[in-house]
Amino acid sequence: MKHYTYAPKGVCSVAIDYDLDDEKKIHNLKFTGGCNGNLKAIGRLLEGEDAQKAADILRGNDCKGRGTSCADQLSKALDEALA
């Protein structure tokens, strides 16, 4: 399993930490900062899920007209890790 840390831009969270196993499944997803309850829920919902599928679902999600969100930033983090 490989650990990743991503520094999101334009959102309230300041870090996204997660692991990807050999099959590119998400584990131990944690956001630092941001909407605590919602981001914990995202981590629970995505535990063991396919990283590419999760990125595709979350990509483009907007928060308060910022043009991005913590979920969208997670999609960028996953895209970067999968590239």
PDB file of N, CA and C in Angstrom:
ATOM      1  N   MET A   1       0.852  -1.170   0.000  1.00  0.00           N
ATOM      2  CA  MET A   1       0.000   0.000   0.000  1.00  0.00           C
ATOM      3  C   MET A   1       0.898   1.234   0.000  1.00  0.00           C
ATOM      4  N   LYS A   2       0.503   2.233  -0.779  1.00  0.00           N
ATOM      5  CA  LYS A   2       1.290   3.453  -0.879  1.00  0.00           C
ATOM      6  C   LYS A   2       0.488   4.631  -0.309  1.00  0.00           C
ATOM      7  N   HIS A   3       1.162   5.458   0.495  1.00  0.00           N
ATOM      8  CA  HIS A   3       0.526   6.615   1.129  1.00  0.00           C
ATOM      9  C   HIS A   3       0.737   7.864   0.274  1.00  0.00           C
ATOM     10  N   TYR A   4      -0.295   8.694   0.215  1.00  0.00           N
ATOM     11  CA  TYR A   4      -0.247   9.953  -0.520  1.00  0.00           C
ATOM     12  C   TYR A   4      -0.739  11.088   0.364  1.00  0.00           C
ATOM     13  N   THR A   5      -0.128  12.259   0.198  1.00  0.00           N
ATOM     14  CA  THR A   5      -0.595  13.491   0.827  1.00  0.00           C
ATOM     15  C   THR A   5      -0.717  14.522  -0.276  1.00  0.00           C
ATOM     16  N   TYR A   6      -1.858  15.197  -0.315  1.00  0.00           N
ATOM     17  CA  TYR A   6      -2.128  16.200  -1.346  1.00  0.00           C
ATOM     18  C   TYR A   6      -2.493  17.506  -0.659  1.00  0.00           C
ATOM     19  N   ALA A   7      -1.955  18.615  -1.161  1.00  0.00           N
ATOM     20  CA  ALA A   7      -2.266  19.951  -0.646  1.00  0.00           C
ATOM     21  C   ALA A   7      -3.335  20.579  -1.540  1.00  0.00           C
ATOM     22  N   PRO A   8      -4.590  20.572  -1.104  1.00  0.00           N
ATOM     23  CA  PRO A   8      -5.662  21.127  -1.928  1.00  0.00           C
ATOM     24  C   PRO A   8      -5.559  22.638  -2.071  1.00  0.00           C
ATOM     25  N   LYS A   9      -6.132  23.161  -3.147  1.00  0.00           N
ATOM     26  CA  LYS A   9      -6.090  24.596  -3.430  1.00  0.00           C
ATOM     27  C   LYS A   9      -7.504  25.146  -3.547  1.00  0.00           C
ATOM     28  N   GLY A  10      -7.743  26.326  -2.955  1.00  0.00           N
ATOM     29  CA  GLY A  10      -9.014  27.005  -3.099  1.00  0.00           C
ATOM     30  C   GLY A  10     -10.138  26.482  -2.234  1.00  0.00           C
ATOM     31  N   VAL A  11      -9.814  25.665  -1.225  1.00  0.00           N
ATOM     32  CA  VAL A  11     -10.835  25.092  -0.338  1.00  0.00           C
ATOM     33  C   VAL A  11     -10.398  25.240   1.120  1.00  0.00           C
ATOM     34  N   CYS A  12     -11.295  24.905   2.020  1.00  0.00           N
ATOM     35  CA  CYS A  12     -11.017  25.042   3.455  1.00  0.00           C
ATOM     36  C   CYS A  12     -10.050  23.982   3.983  1.00  0.00           C
ATOM     37  N   SER A  13     -10.082  22.785   3.437  1.00  0.00           N
ATOM     38  CA  SER A  13      -9.157  21.753   3.911  1.00  0.00           C
ATOM     39  C   SER A  13      -7.741  22.098   3.464  1.00  0.00           C
ATOM     40  N   VAL A  14      -6.774  21.708   4.282  1.00  0.00           N
ATOM     41  CA  VAL A  14      -5.378  22.046   4.004  1.00  0.00           C
ATOM     42  C   VAL A  14      -4.545  20.831   3.596  1.00  0.00           C
ATOM     43  N   ALA A  15      -5.103  19.629   3.789  1.00  0.00           N
ATOM     44  CA  ALA A  15      -4.383  18.412   3.395  1.00  0.00           C
ATOM     45  C   ALA A  15      -5.373  17.282   3.193  1.00  0.00           C
ATOM     46  N   ILE A  16      -5.039  16.417   2.238  1.00  0.00           N
ATOM     47  CA  ILE A  16      -5.792  15.189   1.999  1.00  0.00           C
ATOM     48  C   ILE A  16      -4.781  14.048   2.059  1.00  0.00           C
ATOM     49  N   ASP A  17      -4.999  13.118   2.979  1.00  0.00           N
ATOM     50  CA  ASP A  17      -4.126  11.957   3.139  1.00  0.00           C
ATOM     51  C   ASP A  17      -4.918  10.696   2.839  1.00  0.00           C
ATOM     52  N   TYR A  18      -4.308   9.768   2.127  1.00  0.00           N
ATOM     53  CA  TYR A  18      -4.971   8.505   1.794  1.00  0.00           C
ATOM     54  C   TYR A  18      -3.935   7.496   1.350  1.00  0.00           C
ATOM     55  N   ASP A  19      -4.351   6.255   1.309  1.00  0.00           N
ATOM     56  CA  ASP A  19      -3.522   5.164   0.814  1.00  0.00           C
ATOM     57  C   ASP A  19      -4.214   4.540  -0.384  1.00  0.00           C
ATOM     58  N   LEU A  20      -3.418   4.045  -1.324  1.00  0.00           N
ATOM     59  CA  LEU A  20      -3.916   3.241  -2.440  1.00  0.00           C
ATOM     60  C   LEU A  20      -3.232   1.885  -2.376  1.00  0.00           C
ATOM     61  N   ASP A  21      -4.037   0.819  -2.454  1.00  0.00           N
ATOM     62  CA  ASP A  21      -3.440  -0.512  -2.475  1.00  0.00           C
ATOM     63  C   ASP A  21      -3.023  -0.869  -3.903  1.00  0.00           C
ATOM     64  N   ASP A  22      -2.533  -2.075  -4.095  1.00  0.00           N
ATOM     65  CA  ASP A  22      -2.044  -2.496  -5.413  1.00  0.00           C
ATOM     66  C   ASP A  22      -3.142  -2.523  -6.465  1.00  0.00           C
ATOM     67  N   GLU A  23      -4.389  -2.651  -6.036  1.00  0.00           N
ATOM     68  CA  GLU A  23      -5.520  -2.676  -6.973  1.00  0.00           C
ATOM     69  C   GLU A  23      -6.124  -1.284  -7.160  1.00  0.00           C
ATOM     70  N   LYS A  24      -5.436  -0.254  -6.636  1.00  0.00           N
ATOM     71  CA  LYS A  24      -5.879   1.158  -6.744  1.00  0.00           C
ATOM     72  C   LYS A  24      -7.201   1.399  -6.021  1.00  0.00           C
ATOM     73  N   LYS A  25      -7.355   0.755  -4.872  1.00  0.00           N
ATOM     74  CA  LYS A  25      -8.506   0.977  -3.996  1.00  0.00           C
ATOM     75  C   LYS A  25      -8.096   1.955  -2.898  1.00  0.00           C
ATOM     76  N   ILE A  26      -9.027   2.820  -2.501  1.00  0.00           N
ATOM     77  CA  ILE A  26      -8.771   3.869  -1.512  1.00  0.00           C
ATOM     78  C   ILE A  26      -8.908   3.318  -0.091  1.00  0.00           C
ATOM     79  N   HIS A  27      -7.954   3.711   0.766  1.00  0.00           N
ATOM     80  CA  HIS A  27      -7.992   3.336   2.179  1.00  0.00           C
ATOM     81  C   HIS A  27      -7.512   4.515   3.027  1.00  0.00           C
ATOM     82  N   ASN A  28      -8.030   4.595   4.240  1.00  0.00           N
ATOM     83  CA  ASN A  28      -7.554   5.559   5.250  1.00  0.00           C
ATOM     84  C   ASN A  28      -7.630   7.012   4.790  1.00  0.00           C
ATOM     85  N   LEU A  29      -8.680   7.371   4.071  1.00  0.00           N
ATOM     86  CA  LEU A  29      -8.839   8.735   3.569  1.00  0.00           C
ATOM     87  C   LEU A  29      -9.165   9.676   4.713  1.00  0.00           C
ATOM     88  N   LYS A  30      -8.366  10.746   4.842  1.00  0.00           N
ATOM     89  CA  LYS A  30      -8.580  11.745   5.882  1.00  0.00           C
ATOM     90  C   LYS A  30      -8.290  13.130   5.330  1.00  0.00           C
ATOM     91  N   PHE A  31      -9.174  14.066   5.641  1.00  0.00           N
ATOM     92  CA  PHE A  31      -8.991  15.474   5.296  1.00  0.00           C
ATOM     93  C   PHE A  31      -8.576  16.208   6.559  1.00  0.00           C
ATOM     94  N   THR A  32      -7.679  17.167   6.425  1.00  0.00           N
ATOM     95  CA  THR A  32      -7.323  18.059   7.526  1.00  0.00           C
ATOM     96  C   THR A  32      -7.963  19.400   7.233  1.00  0.00           C
ATOM     97  N   GLY A  33      -8.819  19.861   8.154  1.00  0.00           N
ATOM     98  CA  GLY A  33      -9.569  21.091   7.937  1.00  0.00           C
ATOM     99  C   GLY A  33     -10.809  20.809   7.124  1.00  0.00           C
ATOM    100  N   GLY A  34     -11.563  21.854   6.842  1.00  0.00           N
ATOM    101  CA  GLY A  34     -12.780  21.698   6.055  1.00  0.00           C
ATOM    102  C   GLY A  34     -13.964  21.319   6.921  1.00  0.00           C
ATOM    103  N   CYS A  35     -15.034  20.905   6.295  1.00  0.00           N
ATOM    104  CA  CYS A  35     -16.290  20.536   6.977  1.00  0.00           C
ATOM    105  C   CYS A  35     -16.137  19.138   7.564  1.00  0.00           C
ATOM    106  N   ASN A  36     -15.784  19.077   8.810  1.00  0.00           N
ATOM    107  CA  ASN A  36     -15.379  17.841   9.472  1.00  0.00           C
ATOM    108  C   ASN A  36     -16.331  16.671   9.250  1.00  0.00           C
ATOM    109  N   GLY A  37     -17.596  16.843   9.551  1.00  0.00           N
ATOM    110  CA  GLY A  37     -18.548  15.732   9.428  1.00  0.00           C
ATOM    111  C   GLY A  37     -18.711  15.249   8.002  1.00  0.00           C
ATOM    112  N   ASN A  38     -18.837  16.175   7.072  1.00  0.00           N
ATOM    113  CA  ASN A  38     -19.011  15.801   5.668  1.00  0.00           C
ATOM    114  C   ASN A  38     -17.777  15.093   5.123  1.00  0.00           C
ATOM    115  N   LEU A  39     -16.611  15.584   5.494  1.00  0.00           N
ATOM    116  CA  LEU A  39     -15.387  14.983   4.964  1.00  0.00           C
ATOM    117  C   LEU A  39     -15.098  13.627   5.596  1.00  0.00           C
ATOM    118  N   LYS A  40     -15.484  13.442   6.859  1.00  0.00           N
ATOM    119  CA  LYS A  40     -15.374  12.110   7.459  1.00  0.00           C
ATOM    120  C   LYS A  40     -16.301  11.137   6.736  1.00  0.00           C
ATOM    121  N   ALA A  41     -17.488  11.613   6.364  1.00  0.00           N
ATOM    122  CA  ALA A  41     -18.439  10.763   5.646  1.00  0.00           C
ATOM    123  C   ALA A  41     -17.877  10.339   4.297  1.00  0.00           C
ATOM    124  N   ILE A  42     -17.240  11.271   3.596  1.00  0.00           N
ATOM    125  CA  ILE A  42     -16.630  10.926   2.307  1.00  0.00           C
ATOM    126  C   ILE A  42     -15.584   9.833   2.507  1.00  0.00           C
ATOM    127  N   GLY A  43     -14.769   9.968   3.541  1.00  0.00           N
ATOM    128  CA  GLY A  43     -13.762   8.947   3.833  1.00  0.00           C
ATOM    129  C   GLY A  43     -14.377   7.580   4.082  1.00  0.00           C
ATOM    130  N   ARG A  44     -15.471   7.538   4.829  1.00  0.00           N
ATOM    131  CA  ARG A  44     -16.150   6.265   5.098  1.00  0.00           C
ATOM    132  C   ARG A  44     -16.773   5.689   3.835  1.00  0.00           C
ATOM    133  N   LEU A  45     -17.405   6.543   3.044  1.00  0.00           N
ATOM    134  CA  LEU A  45     -18.066   6.077   1.824  1.00  0.00           C
ATOM    135  C   LEU A  45     -17.077   5.534   0.801  1.00  0.00           C
ATOM    136  N   LEU A  46     -15.876   6.098   0.768  1.00  0.00           N
ATOM    137  CA  LEU A  46     -14.909   5.697  -0.252  1.00  0.00           C
ATOM    138  C   LEU A  46     -13.945   4.607   0.205  1.00  0.00           C
ATOM    139  N   GLU A  47     -14.010   4.179   1.457  1.00  0.00           N
ATOM    140  CA  GLU A  47     -13.112   3.130   1.950  1.00  0.00           C
ATOM    141  C   GLU A  47     -13.272   1.876   1.099  1.00  0.00           C
ATOM    142  N   GLY A  48     -12.159   1.444   0.490  1.00  0.00           N
ATOM    143  CA  GLY A  48     -12.144   0.236  -0.328  1.00  0.00           C
ATOM    144  C   GLY A  48     -12.671   0.412  -1.744  1.00  0.00           C
ATOM    145  N   GLU A  49     -13.033   1.637  -2.110  1.00  0.00           N
ATOM    146  CA  GLU A  49     -13.576   1.893  -3.450  1.00  0.00           C
ATOM    147  C   GLU A  49     -12.466   2.129  -4.474  1.00  0.00           C
ATOM    148  N   ASP A  50     -12.790   1.917  -5.725  1.00  0.00           N
ATOM    149  CA  ASP A  50     -11.863   2.126  -6.829  1.00  0.00           C
ATOM    150  C   ASP A  50     -11.546   3.616  -6.973  1.00  0.00           C
ATOM    151  N   ALA A  51     -10.273   3.954  -6.997  1.00  0.00           N
ATOM    152  CA  ALA A  51      -9.847   5.354  -7.038  1.00  0.00           C
ATOM    153  C   ALA A  51     -10.295   6.064  -8.308  1.00  0.00           C
ATOM    154  N   GLN A  52     -10.219   5.412  -9.450  1.00  0.00           N
ATOM    155  CA  GLN A  52     -10.625   6.056 -10.706  1.00  0.00           C
ATOM    156  C   GLN A  52     -12.125   6.342 -10.719  1.00  0.00           C
ATOM    157  N   LYS A  53     -12.910   5.391 -10.250  1.00  0.00           N
ATOM    158  CA  LYS A  53     -14.361   5.583 -10.187  1.00  0.00           C
ATOM    159  C   LYS A  53     -14.700   6.741  -9.252  1.00  0.00           C
ATOM    160  N   ALA A  54     -14.051   6.806  -8.104  1.00  0.00           N
ATOM    161  CA  ALA A  54     -14.295   7.887  -7.151  1.00  0.00           C
ATOM    162  C   ALA A  54     -13.928   9.237  -7.758  1.00  0.00           C
ATOM    163  N   ALA A  55     -12.780   9.317  -8.417  1.00  0.00           N
ATOM    164  CA  ALA A  55     -12.356  10.567  -9.053  1.00  0.00           C
ATOM    165  C   ALA A  55     -13.364  11.011 -10.105  1.00  0.00           C
ATOM    166  N   ASP A  56     -13.841  10.072 -10.892  1.00  0.00           N
ATOM    167  CA  ASP A  56     -14.817  10.403 -11.941  1.00  0.00           C
ATOM    168  C   ASP A  56     -16.121  10.941 -11.351  1.00  0.00           C
ATOM    169  N   ILE A  57     -16.564  10.383 -10.245  1.00  0.00           N
ATOM    170  CA  ILE A  57     -17.805  10.826  -9.603  1.00  0.00           C
ATOM    171  C   ILE A  57     -17.641  12.209  -8.979  1.00  0.00           C
ATOM    172  N   LEU A  58     -16.508  12.463  -8.326  1.00  0.00           N
ATOM    173  CA  LEU A  58     -16.312  13.696  -7.554  1.00  0.00           C
ATOM    174  C   LEU A  58     -15.839  14.888  -8.385  1.00  0.00           C
ATOM    175  N   ARG A  59     -15.243  14.619  -9.541  1.00  0.00           N
ATOM    176  CA  ARG A  59     -14.681  15.677 -10.376  1.00  0.00           C
ATOM    177  C   ARG A  59     -15.742  16.722 -10.733  1.00  0.00           C
ATOM    178  N   GLY A  60     -15.415  17.998 -10.530  1.00  0.00           N
ATOM    179  CA  GLY A  60     -16.298  19.095 -10.908  1.00  0.00           C
ATOM    180  C   GLY A  60     -17.268  19.532  -9.821  1.00  0.00           C
ATOM    181  N   ASN A  61     -17.296  18.844  -8.689  1.00  0.00           N
ATOM    182  CA  ASN A  61     -18.176  19.248  -7.591  1.00  0.00           C
ATOM    183  C   ASN A  61     -17.751  20.634  -7.100  1.00  0.00           C
ATOM    184  N   ASP A  62     -18.729  21.529  -6.925  1.00  0.00           N
ATOM    185  CA  ASP A  62     -18.443  22.924  -6.567  1.00  0.00           C
ATOM    186  C   ASP A  62     -18.948  23.236  -5.158  1.00  0.00           C
ATOM    187  N   CYS A  63     -18.210  24.071  -4.443  1.00  0.00           N
ATOM    188  CA  CYS A  63     -18.596  24.532  -3.109  1.00  0.00           C
ATOM    189  C   CYS A  63     -18.641  26.056  -3.101  1.00  0.00           C
ATOM    190  N   LYS A  64     -19.793  26.599  -2.879  1.00  0.00           N
ATOM    191  CA  LYS A  64     -19.975  28.047  -2.720  1.00  0.00           C
ATOM    192  C   LYS A  64     -19.454  28.863  -3.897  1.00  0.00           C
ATOM    193  N   GLY A  65     -19.577  28.355  -5.113  1.00  0.00           N
ATOM    194  CA  GLY A  65     -19.158  29.081  -6.301  1.00  0.00           C
ATOM    195  C   GLY A  65     -17.660  29.256  -6.461  1.00  0.00           C
ATOM    196  N   ARG A  66     -16.894  28.445  -5.776  1.00  0.00           N
ATOM    197  CA  ARG A  66     -15.426  28.535  -5.837  1.00  0.00           C
ATOM    198  C   ARG A  66     -14.850  27.910  -7.105  1.00  0.00           C
ATOM    199  N   GLY A  67     -15.664  27.125  -7.795  1.00  0.00           N
ATOM    200  CA  GLY A  67     -15.157  26.403  -8.953  1.00  0.00           C
ATOM    201  C   GLY A  67     -14.477  25.103  -8.576  1.00  0.00           C
ATOM    202  N   THR A  68     -14.457  24.788  -7.298  1.00  0.00           N
ATOM    203  CA  THR A  68     -13.875  23.553  -6.784  1.00  0.00           C
ATOM    204  C   THR A  68     -14.508  23.264  -5.433  1.00  0.00           C
ATOM    205  N   SER A  69     -14.116  22.178  -4.829  1.00  0.00           N
ATOM    206  CA  SER A  69     -14.575  21.783  -3.500  1.00  0.00           C
ATOM    207  C   SER A  69     -13.556  20.793  -2.952  1.00  0.00           C
ATOM    208  N   CYS A  70     -13.715  20.408  -1.701  1.00  0.00           N
ATOM    209  CA  CYS A  70     -12.823  19.396  -1.153  1.00  0.00           C
ATOM    210  C   CYS A  70     -12.948  18.085  -1.931  1.00  0.00           C
ATOM    211  N   ALA A  71     -14.178  17.735  -2.329  1.00  0.00           N
ATOM    212  CA  ALA A  71     -14.388  16.521  -3.116  1.00  0.00           C
ATOM    213  C   ALA A  71     -13.712  16.628  -4.487  1.00  0.00           C
ATOM    214  N   ASP A  72     -13.844  17.794  -5.128  1.00  0.00           N
ATOM    215  CA  ASP A  72     -13.185  18.016  -6.418  1.00  0.00           C
ATOM    216  C   ASP A  72     -11.673  17.959  -6.257  1.00  0.00           C
ATOM    217  N   GLN A  73     -11.155  18.524  -5.180  1.00  0.00           N
ATOM    218  CA  GLN A  73      -9.719  18.471  -4.931  1.00  0.00           C
ATOM    219  C   GLN A  73      -9.258  17.031  -4.703  1.00  0.00           C
ATOM    220  N   LEU A  74     -10.102  16.216  -4.071  1.00  0.00           N
ATOM    221  CA  LEU A  74      -9.770  14.796  -3.925  1.00  0.00           C
ATOM    222  C   LEU A  74      -9.677  14.147  -5.300  1.00  0.00           C
ATOM    223  N   SER A  75     -10.570  14.501  -6.217  1.00  0.00           N
ATOM    224  CA  SER A  75     -10.493  13.924  -7.569  1.00  0.00           C
ATOM    225  C   SER A  75      -9.164  14.279  -8.215  1.00  0.00           C
ATOM    226  N   LYS A  76      -8.709  15.511  -8.020  1.00  0.00           N
ATOM    227  CA  LYS A  76      -7.414  15.928  -8.567  1.00  0.00           C
ATOM    228  C   LYS A  76      -6.266  15.155  -7.925  1.00  0.00           C
ATOM    229  N   ALA A  77      -6.366  14.951  -6.621  1.00  0.00           N
ATOM    230  CA  ALA A  77      -5.335  14.177  -5.918  1.00  0.00           C
ATOM    231  C   ALA A  77      -5.275  12.742  -6.453  1.00  0.00           C
ATOM    232  N   LEU A  78      -6.438  12.139  -6.638  1.00  0.00           N
ATOM    233  CA  LEU A  78      -6.481  10.767  -7.152  1.00  0.00           C
ATOM    234  C   LEU A  78      -5.999  10.694  -8.593  1.00  0.00           C
ATOM    235  N   ASP A  79      -6.387  11.661  -9.415  1.00  0.00           N
ATOM    236  CA  ASP A  79      -5.904  11.692 -10.803  1.00  0.00           C
ATOM    237  C   ASP A  79      -4.384  11.757 -10.843  1.00  0.00           C
ATOM    238  N   GLU A  80      -3.818  12.602  -9.979  1.00  0.00           N
ATOM    239  CA  GLU A  80      -2.358  12.749  -9.918  1.00  0.00           C
ATOM    240  C   GLU A  80      -1.698  11.435  -9.494  1.00  0.00           C
ATOM    241  N   ALA A  81      -2.250  10.777  -8.499  1.00  0.00           N
ATOM    242  CA  ALA A  81      -1.674   9.521  -8.018  1.00  0.00           C
ATOM    243  C   ALA A  81      -1.790   8.408  -9.059  1.00  0.00           C
ATOM    244  N   LEU A  82      -2.860   8.424  -9.844  1.00  0.00           N
ATOM    245  CA  LEU A  82      -3.090   7.368 -10.824  1.00  0.00           C
ATOM    246  C   LEU A  82      -2.317   7.583 -12.124  1.00  0.00           C
ATOM    247  N   ALA A  83      -1.831   8.802 -12.348  1.00  0.00           N
ATOM    248  CA  ALA A  83      -1.139   9.124 -13.597  1.00  0.00           C
ATOM    249  C   ALA A  83       0.213   8.435 -13.700  1.00  0.00           C
TER     250      ALA A  83
END
